[in-house]
Amino acid sequence: MTSGGKWGYIVSIIIVFILSTLIYRSLQTSLNLYSWLGIILITGIYSFIAYLSQKYTGFFFLEKWNKISLAVNRLSAIDILVALGGLIVGLVIGALLTYPLSFLFSKITTLPLLVTLACGIIGLALAIIRKEDIIMIFTGIPKMKLLRGQNNIAKILDTSSIVDGRIADICKTGFVEGDMIIPRFVLKELQQVADSQDPLKRSRGRRGLDILNKMRKEKKVNIRIVERDFIEIRDVDAKLIKMAKVMGAKVITNDYNLNKIAELEGVEVLNINELANSLKPYVLPGEELRVQIIREGKESDQGVGYLDDGTMVVVEGGKKYINVVIDTVVTSVLQTPAGRMIFAKPRGKM
């Protein structure tokens, strides 16, 4: 059990103990030895069942604790002040109601405490739900201004997006907001690639580690390394999807298969390759392009060249122009999952 799971487990036991005590107090005027034994027995049974459920059914308390921690981290100073104001108002109203209720239900000694707590919780909930209206009343700030900056959903990086390196440049521009989550098991996988015997894999792994160090130094990016692991799951991609579900986060990847599996699981994915393809300039049939033919194509008499952004240009009749820069006219454009492909012919041969 990790530290987060232990804290969630302990907090839940304390809550059950307090609730059991309040229930016994509402049923009896005073607590005797048998009452305390009953409270301890209920808490003990709950602790045992909770321990078994946490150990064998997927870290229930750890997931809930992580969700609560993530929600608290997202709260702004305004959110906290409004919530505290709602709690205080609710407690004051509850305290005022306890005086008349003490005459109506004099036998239930814990009723004033329960009413005060209930009013405090209701006040807290209403303040959070109507936060924009409350702030607008006191400050005059419109709702739309309050909603700015709330789209800071955390993004989980997988190994392919780190090794690719373009994520660092994207984050530097400021287009991607929110925390960048690096799971510990992704770092472990990246370290294994960096220690590989294969020179190509080793260089890619070390490049990925350099990219992470570069991102940590960038002020516009908030890198968080999360220790959470899913021991019962072996596959790294499956762990990423599970973590995204638990944290309510998105996944940034270049992996086509991970992209499809995540979509099936209902997890939102940001694919860097799709972003790069969408940013490439559009060309229409009839436009002219200057391109250098660098190799033969798959079909006879075809030549292949590339634009500055990496878009492949297949030139019909371009085989004889290998290593020559020629002017071409676009005949058609094909969009594939791997990217955009342009078909053209040498100018003057249309």
Protein backbone atom coordinates (compact mmCIF):
# COMPACT_ATOMS: atom_id res chain seq x y z
CA MET A 1 0.00 0.00 0.00
CA THR A 2 1.45 3.39 -1.03
CA SER A 3 1.48 6.49 1.17
CA GLY A 4 -1.54 7.96 -0.63
CA GLY A 5 -3.48 4.74 -0.12
CA LYS A 6 -2.57 4.61 3.58
CA TRP A 7 -3.80 8.14 4.18
CA GLY A 8 -7.06 7.49 2.36
CA TYR A 9 -7.53 4.29 4.37
CA ILE A 10 -6.84 6.05 7.72
CA VAL A 11 -9.12 8.98 6.95
CA SER A 12 -11.99 6.67 6.01
CA ILE A 13 -11.61 4.75 9.30
CA ILE A 14 -11.69 8.01 11.30
CA ILE A 15 -14.86 9.08 9.48
CA VAL A 16 -16.57 5.73 10.22
CA PHE A 17 -15.57 5.98 13.90
CA ILE A 18 -17.00 9.51 14.22
CA LEU A 19 -20.24 8.58 12.44
CA SER A 20 -20.67 5.50 14.62
CA THR A 21 -20.19 7.62 17.75
CA LEU A 22 -22.75 10.19 16.59
CA ILE A 23 -25.30 7.48 15.83
CA TYR A 24 -24.86 5.90 19.28
CA ARG A 25 -25.13 9.33 20.90
CA SER A 26 -28.41 10.01 19.08
CA LEU A 27 -29.83 6.71 20.37
CA GLN A 28 -28.59 6.99 23.96
CA THR A 29 -28.23 9.84 26.44
CA SER A 30 -24.73 8.70 27.39
CA LEU A 31 -22.14 6.26 26.14
CA ASN A 32 -21.36 3.29 28.37
CA LEU A 33 -18.86 0.48 28.06
CA TYR A 34 -21.09 -1.58 25.77
CA SER A 35 -21.62 1.43 23.49
CA TRP A 36 -17.89 1.95 23.09
CA LEU A 37 -17.43 -1.77 22.40
CA GLY A 38 -20.09 -1.56 19.68
CA ILE A 39 -18.42 1.47 18.11
CA ILE A 40 -15.02 -0.24 18.16
CA LEU A 41 -16.54 -3.43 16.70
CA ILE A 42 -18.21 -1.55 13.82
CA THR A 43 -14.99 0.36 13.08
CA GLY A 44 -12.93 -2.83 13.24
CA ILE A 45 -15.24 -4.72 10.84
CA TYR A 46 -15.16 -1.79 8.43
CA SER A 47 -11.35 -1.58 8.65
CA PHE A 48 -10.98 -5.28 7.85
CA ILE A 49 -13.38 -5.16 4.88
CA ALA A 50 -11.80 -1.94 3.60
CA TYR A 51 -8.31 -3.44 3.82
CA LEU A 52 -9.35 -6.52 1.83
CA SER A 53 -11.14 -4.42 -0.81
CA GLN A 54 -8.13 -2.14 -1.16
CA LYS A 55 -5.71 -5.03 -1.43
CA TYR A 56 -7.62 -7.21 -3.88
CA THR A 57 -10.03 -4.98 -5.84
CA GLY A 58 -7.88 -2.25 -7.34
CA PHE A 59 -6.76 0.26 -4.73
CA PHE A 60 -10.20 1.79 -4.11
CA PHE A 61 -9.16 4.27 -1.43
CA LEU A 62 -6.00 5.32 -3.23
CA GLU A 63 -7.99 6.19 -6.34
CA LYS A 64 -10.51 8.21 -4.33
CA TRP A 65 -7.72 9.95 -2.43
CA ASN A 66 -5.91 10.82 -5.66
CA LYS A 67 -9.10 12.27 -7.13
CA ILE A 68 -9.66 14.40 -4.03
CA SER A 69 -6.03 15.58 -4.05
CA LEU A 70 -6.22 16.48 -7.74
CA ALA A 71 -9.49 18.39 -7.21
CA VAL A 72 -7.97 20.34 -4.29
CA ASN A 73 -4.87 21.20 -6.34
CA ARG A 74 -7.08 22.69 -9.05
CA LEU A 75 -8.83 25.04 -6.63
CA SER A 76 -7.89 28.70 -6.91
CA ALA A 77 -7.67 31.14 -4.01
CA ILE A 78 -11.10 32.52 -4.99
CA ASP A 79 -12.60 29.01 -4.90
CA ILE A 80 -11.24 28.43 -1.39
CA LEU A 81 -12.45 31.80 -0.07
CA VAL A 82 -15.94 31.30 -1.50
CA ALA A 83 -16.12 27.76 -0.09
CA LEU A 84 -15.02 28.96 3.38
CA GLY A 85 -17.59 31.76 3.24
CA GLY A 86 -20.35 29.30 2.39
CA LEU A 87 -19.24 26.97 5.19
CA ILE A 88 -19.23 29.78 7.77
CA VAL A 89 -22.66 31.05 6.72
CA GLY A 90 -24.05 27.50 6.84
CA LEU A 91 -22.62 26.88 10.32
CA VAL A 92 -24.06 30.17 11.61
CA ILE A 93 -27.52 29.31 10.25
CA GLY A 94 -27.26 25.82 11.75
CA ALA A 95 -26.28 27.25 15.14
CA LEU A 96 -29.30 29.59 15.06
CA LEU A 97 -31.63 26.69 14.25
CA THR A 98 -30.40 24.53 17.11
CA TYR A 99 -32.05 26.73 19.76
CA PRO A 100 -35.69 26.18 18.68
CA LEU A 101 -34.98 22.56 17.73
CA SER A 102 -33.62 21.82 21.21
CA PHE A 103 -37.12 22.51 22.60
CA LEU A 104 -38.92 20.39 20.00
CA PHE A 105 -36.57 17.39 20.22
CA SER A 106 -35.09 17.64 23.69
CA LYS A 107 -34.47 13.88 23.96
CA ILE A 108 -32.09 13.75 20.97
CA THR A 109 -28.98 15.32 22.47
CA THR A 110 -26.87 15.15 19.31
CA LEU A 111 -29.49 16.79 17.08
CA PRO A 112 -28.00 20.33 17.36
CA LEU A 113 -24.59 19.06 16.28
CA LEU A 114 -26.01 17.12 13.33
CA VAL A 115 -28.13 20.09 12.19
CA THR A 116 -25.16 22.45 12.42
CA LEU A 117 -22.93 20.09 10.40
CA ALA A 118 -25.66 19.54 7.79
CA CYS A 119 -26.20 23.29 7.37
CA GLY A 120 -22.44 23.84 7.07
CA ILE A 121 -22.15 21.21 4.33
CA ILE A 122 -25.17 22.63 2.46
CA GLY A 123 -23.71 26.13 2.68
CA LEU A 124 -20.35 24.88 1.38
CA ALA A 125 -21.98 23.04 -1.56
CA LEU A 126 -24.20 25.97 -2.54
CA ALA A 127 -21.28 28.39 -2.41
CA ILE A 128 -19.21 26.21 -4.76
CA ILE A 129 -22.12 25.64 -7.16
CA ARG A 130 -23.04 29.33 -7.34
CA LYS A 131 -19.46 30.64 -7.12
CA GLU A 132 -19.68 32.83 -10.23
CA ASP A 133 -22.89 34.51 -9.06
CA ILE A 134 -21.48 35.16 -5.58
CA ILE A 135 -18.28 36.72 -6.91
CA MET A 136 -20.22 38.79 -9.44
CA ILE A 137 -22.42 40.20 -6.63
CA PHE A 138 -19.42 41.34 -4.57
CA THR A 139 -16.98 42.30 -7.34
CA GLY A 140 -19.03 42.89 -10.48
CA ILE A 141 -16.77 40.57 -12.53
CA PRO A 142 -18.80 38.89 -15.35
CA LYS A 143 -19.05 35.10 -15.47
CA MET A 144 -17.09 34.71 -18.70
CA LYS A 145 -14.00 36.30 -17.13
CA LEU A 146 -14.23 33.91 -14.19
CA LEU A 147 -14.33 30.93 -16.52
CA ARG A 148 -10.99 31.83 -18.13
CA GLY A 149 -8.10 29.60 -17.17
CA GLN A 150 -10.30 26.75 -15.89
CA ASN A 151 -9.39 24.43 -18.77
CA ASN A 152 -6.23 23.32 -17.03
CA ILE A 153 -6.84 19.60 -17.37
CA ALA A 154 -3.74 17.55 -16.62
CA LYS A 155 -1.99 15.80 -19.52
CA ILE A 156 -0.18 12.48 -19.14
CA LEU A 157 2.85 12.00 -21.38
CA ASP A 158 3.71 8.59 -22.75
CA THR A 159 7.19 7.42 -23.77
CA SER A 160 6.69 8.01 -27.51
CA SER A 161 5.73 11.68 -27.06
CA ILE A 162 8.74 12.31 -24.80
CA VAL A 163 11.25 10.65 -27.14
CA ASP A 164 9.72 12.48 -30.13
CA GLY A 165 10.79 15.81 -28.59
CA ARG A 166 8.24 18.09 -30.26
CA ILE A 167 6.17 18.27 -27.06
CA ALA A 168 8.85 20.50 -25.51
CA ASP A 169 8.49 23.04 -28.34
CA ILE A 170 4.69 22.88 -28.17
CA CYS A 171 4.72 23.55 -24.42
CA LYS A 172 7.20 26.39 -24.88
CA THR A 173 4.74 28.22 -27.13
CA GLY A 174 2.12 28.17 -24.36
CA PHE A 175 -0.58 26.46 -26.45
CA VAL A 176 -0.80 23.54 -23.99
CA GLU A 177 -2.08 24.39 -20.51
CA GLY A 178 -2.30 22.39 -17.32
CA ASP A 179 0.11 20.06 -15.51
CA MET A 180 2.26 17.66 -17.50
CA ILE A 181 2.09 14.34 -15.67
CA ILE A 182 5.04 11.93 -15.98
CA PRO A 183 4.14 8.58 -14.37
CA ARG A 184 6.99 6.81 -12.61
CA PHE A 185 6.45 3.69 -14.75
CA VAL A 186 6.95 5.80 -17.91
CA LEU A 187 10.23 7.11 -16.51
CA LYS A 188 11.25 3.54 -15.76
CA GLU A 189 10.47 2.48 -19.32
CA LEU A 190 12.41 5.47 -20.66
CA GLN A 191 15.38 4.54 -18.46
CA GLN A 192 15.30 0.98 -19.81
CA VAL A 193 15.39 2.34 -23.38
CA ALA A 194 18.31 4.61 -22.46
CA ASP A 195 20.21 1.60 -21.04
CA SER A 196 19.49 -0.59 -24.08
CA GLN A 197 22.30 -2.43 -25.86
CA ASP A 198 20.92 -1.20 -29.20
CA PRO A 199 22.73 2.09 -30.04
CA LEU A 200 19.63 3.55 -31.76
CA LYS A 201 17.33 2.77 -28.83
CA ARG A 202 19.92 4.02 -26.36
CA SER A 203 20.25 7.36 -28.16
CA ARG A 204 16.45 7.74 -28.32
CA GLY A 205 16.12 7.02 -24.61
CA ARG A 206 18.81 9.53 -23.68
CA ARG A 207 17.20 12.09 -25.97
CA GLY A 208 13.92 11.57 -24.10
CA LEU A 209 15.61 12.19 -20.74
CA ASP A 210 17.23 15.35 -22.13
CA ILE A 211 13.82 16.54 -23.35
CA LEU A 212 12.34 16.06 -19.87
CA ASN A 213 15.18 18.04 -18.28
CA LYS A 214 14.61 20.79 -20.82
CA MET A 215 10.88 20.87 -20.04
CA ARG A 216 11.48 21.01 -16.28
CA LYS A 217 13.52 24.20 -16.77
CA GLU A 218 10.77 25.82 -18.85
CA LYS A 219 8.69 28.21 -16.73
CA LYS A 220 5.57 27.78 -18.88
CA VAL A 221 5.45 24.05 -18.14
CA ASN A 222 4.58 22.45 -14.81
CA ILE A 223 6.08 18.96 -14.79
CA ARG A 224 4.77 16.57 -12.12
CA ILE A 225 6.20 13.10 -11.55
CA VAL A 226 3.49 10.83 -10.15
CA GLU A 227 4.54 7.79 -8.14
CA ARG A 228 1.20 6.05 -8.62
CA ASP A 229 1.48 2.62 -10.21
CA PHE A 230 -0.99 -0.13 -11.03
CA ILE A 231 0.78 -3.29 -9.98
CA GLU A 232 -2.08 -5.50 -11.16
CA ILE A 233 -1.59 -4.19 -14.74
CA ARG A 234 1.56 -5.14 -16.63
CA ASP A 235 1.17 -3.29 -19.94
CA VAL A 236 2.40 0.32 -19.82
CA ASP A 237 -0.27 1.54 -22.27
CA ALA A 238 -3.01 -0.01 -20.14
CA LYS A 239 -1.52 1.69 -17.07
CA LEU A 240 -1.58 5.04 -18.86
CA ILE A 241 -5.26 4.65 -19.77
CA LYS A 242 -6.13 3.58 -16.22
CA MET A 243 -4.29 6.56 -14.73
CA ALA A 244 -6.01 8.95 -17.16
CA LYS A 245 -9.39 7.60 -16.04
CA VAL A 246 -8.52 7.88 -12.35
CA MET A 247 -7.15 11.43 -12.63
CA GLY A 248 -9.61 12.70 -15.23
CA ALA A 249 -6.64 13.61 -17.44
CA LYS A 250 -5.82 13.51 -21.15
CA VAL A 251 -3.06 11.44 -22.76
CA ILE A 252 -0.45 12.96 -25.08
CA THR A 253 1.05 10.40 -27.43
CA ASN A 254 2.39 9.64 -30.90
CA ASP A 255 1.40 5.97 -30.66
CA TYR A 256 -1.39 5.19 -33.14
CA ASN A 257 -2.44 1.98 -31.35
CA LEU A 258 -2.56 3.68 -27.94
CA ASN A 259 -4.62 6.45 -29.51
CA LYS A 260 -7.25 4.00 -30.77
CA ILE A 261 -7.40 1.97 -27.54
CA ALA A 262 -7.76 5.13 -25.46
CA GLU A 263 -10.64 6.32 -27.65
CA LEU A 264 -12.40 2.98 -27.13
CA GLU A 265 -11.90 3.37 -23.36
CA GLY A 266 -13.36 6.88 -23.43
CA VAL A 267 -10.07 8.64 -22.66
CA GLU A 268 -9.33 11.84 -24.58
CA VAL A 269 -6.06 11.76 -26.51
CA LEU A 270 -3.89 14.57 -27.89
CA ASN A 271 -1.88 13.12 -30.78
CA ILE A 272 1.16 15.19 -31.73
CA ASN A 273 1.23 13.74 -35.27
CA GLU A 274 -2.37 14.80 -35.84
CA LEU A 275 -1.50 18.28 -34.57
CA ALA A 276 1.49 18.49 -36.91
CA ASN A 277 -0.60 17.33 -39.90
CA SER A 278 -3.32 19.87 -39.15
CA LEU A 279 -0.74 22.69 -39.15
CA LYS A 280 0.67 21.83 -42.56
CA PRO A 281 -0.35 24.32 -45.27
CA TYR A 282 -3.10 23.19 -47.61
CA VAL A 283 -2.44 22.93 -51.32
CA LEU A 284 -5.07 22.66 -54.04
CA PRO A 285 -4.95 20.99 -57.45
CA GLY A 286 -3.49 23.42 -59.94
CA GLU A 287 -1.06 25.07 -57.48
CA GLU A 288 2.63 25.11 -58.32
CA LEU A 289 5.33 23.67 -56.06
CA ARG A 290 9.11 23.70 -56.37
CA VAL A 291 10.50 20.40 -55.10
CA GLN A 292 13.73 18.43 -55.29
CA ILE A 293 13.31 14.84 -56.50
CA ILE A 294 15.44 12.66 -54.23
CA ARG A 295 14.46 9.08 -55.11
CA GLU A 296 12.32 6.81 -57.26
CA GLY A 297 8.68 6.16 -56.47
CA LYS A 298 6.86 2.85 -56.12
CA GLU A 299 5.35 3.04 -59.58
CA SER A 300 7.38 3.21 -62.77
CA ASP A 301 8.56 6.65 -63.86
CA GLN A 302 7.60 8.22 -60.48
CA GLY A 303 9.90 10.49 -58.52
CA VAL A 304 9.55 11.40 -54.85
CA GLY A 305 10.43 14.64 -53.10
CA TYR A 306 9.55 16.36 -49.82
CA LEU A 307 8.44 19.81 -48.82
CA ASP A 308 10.10 21.70 -45.97
CA ASP A 309 7.46 20.43 -43.50
CA GLY A 310 8.08 16.79 -44.48
CA THR A 311 5.05 16.35 -46.75
CA MET A 312 5.72 13.75 -49.43
CA VAL A 313 5.30 14.81 -53.05
CA VAL A 314 4.94 12.06 -55.65
CA VAL A 315 5.77 13.39 -59.11
CA GLU A 316 4.51 11.46 -62.14
CA GLY A 317 7.30 11.31 -64.71
CA GLY A 318 9.79 12.59 -62.16
CA LYS A 319 12.15 9.61 -62.16
CA LYS A 320 14.52 11.23 -64.65
CA TYR A 321 14.81 14.35 -62.45
CA ILE A 322 16.39 12.65 -59.41
CA ASN A 323 18.65 15.10 -57.50
CA VAL A 324 17.20 17.98 -59.51
CA VAL A 325 14.95 20.80 -58.27
CA ILE A 326 11.96 21.18 -60.61
CA ASP A 327 8.69 23.11 -60.76
CA THR A 328 5.60 20.94 -60.48
CA VAL A 329 1.83 21.37 -60.65
CA VAL A 330 -0.38 19.66 -58.05
CA THR A 331 -2.85 17.17 -59.52
CA SER A 332 -4.41 15.74 -56.31
CA VAL A 333 -3.98 15.58 -52.53
CA LEU A 334 -4.47 12.43 -50.46
CA GLN A 335 -4.97 12.52 -46.67
CA THR A 336 -3.84 9.32 -44.92
CA PRO A 337 -3.55 8.38 -41.21
CA ALA A 338 0.21 8.80 -41.58
CA GLY A 339 -0.06 12.29 -43.06
CA ARG A 340 -0.78 14.20 -46.24
CA MET A 341 0.50 13.04 -49.64
CA ILE A 342 0.65 15.28 -52.70
CA PHE A 343 0.59 14.03 -56.29
CA ALA A 344 1.99 16.31 -58.97
CA LYS A 345 3.42 16.46 -62.49
CA PRO A 346 6.31 18.49 -63.89
CA ARG A 347 5.14 21.90 -65.06
CA GLY A 348 4.53 22.03 -68.77
CA LYS A 349 3.53 18.35 -68.99
CA MET A 350 -0.09 18.67 -67.93
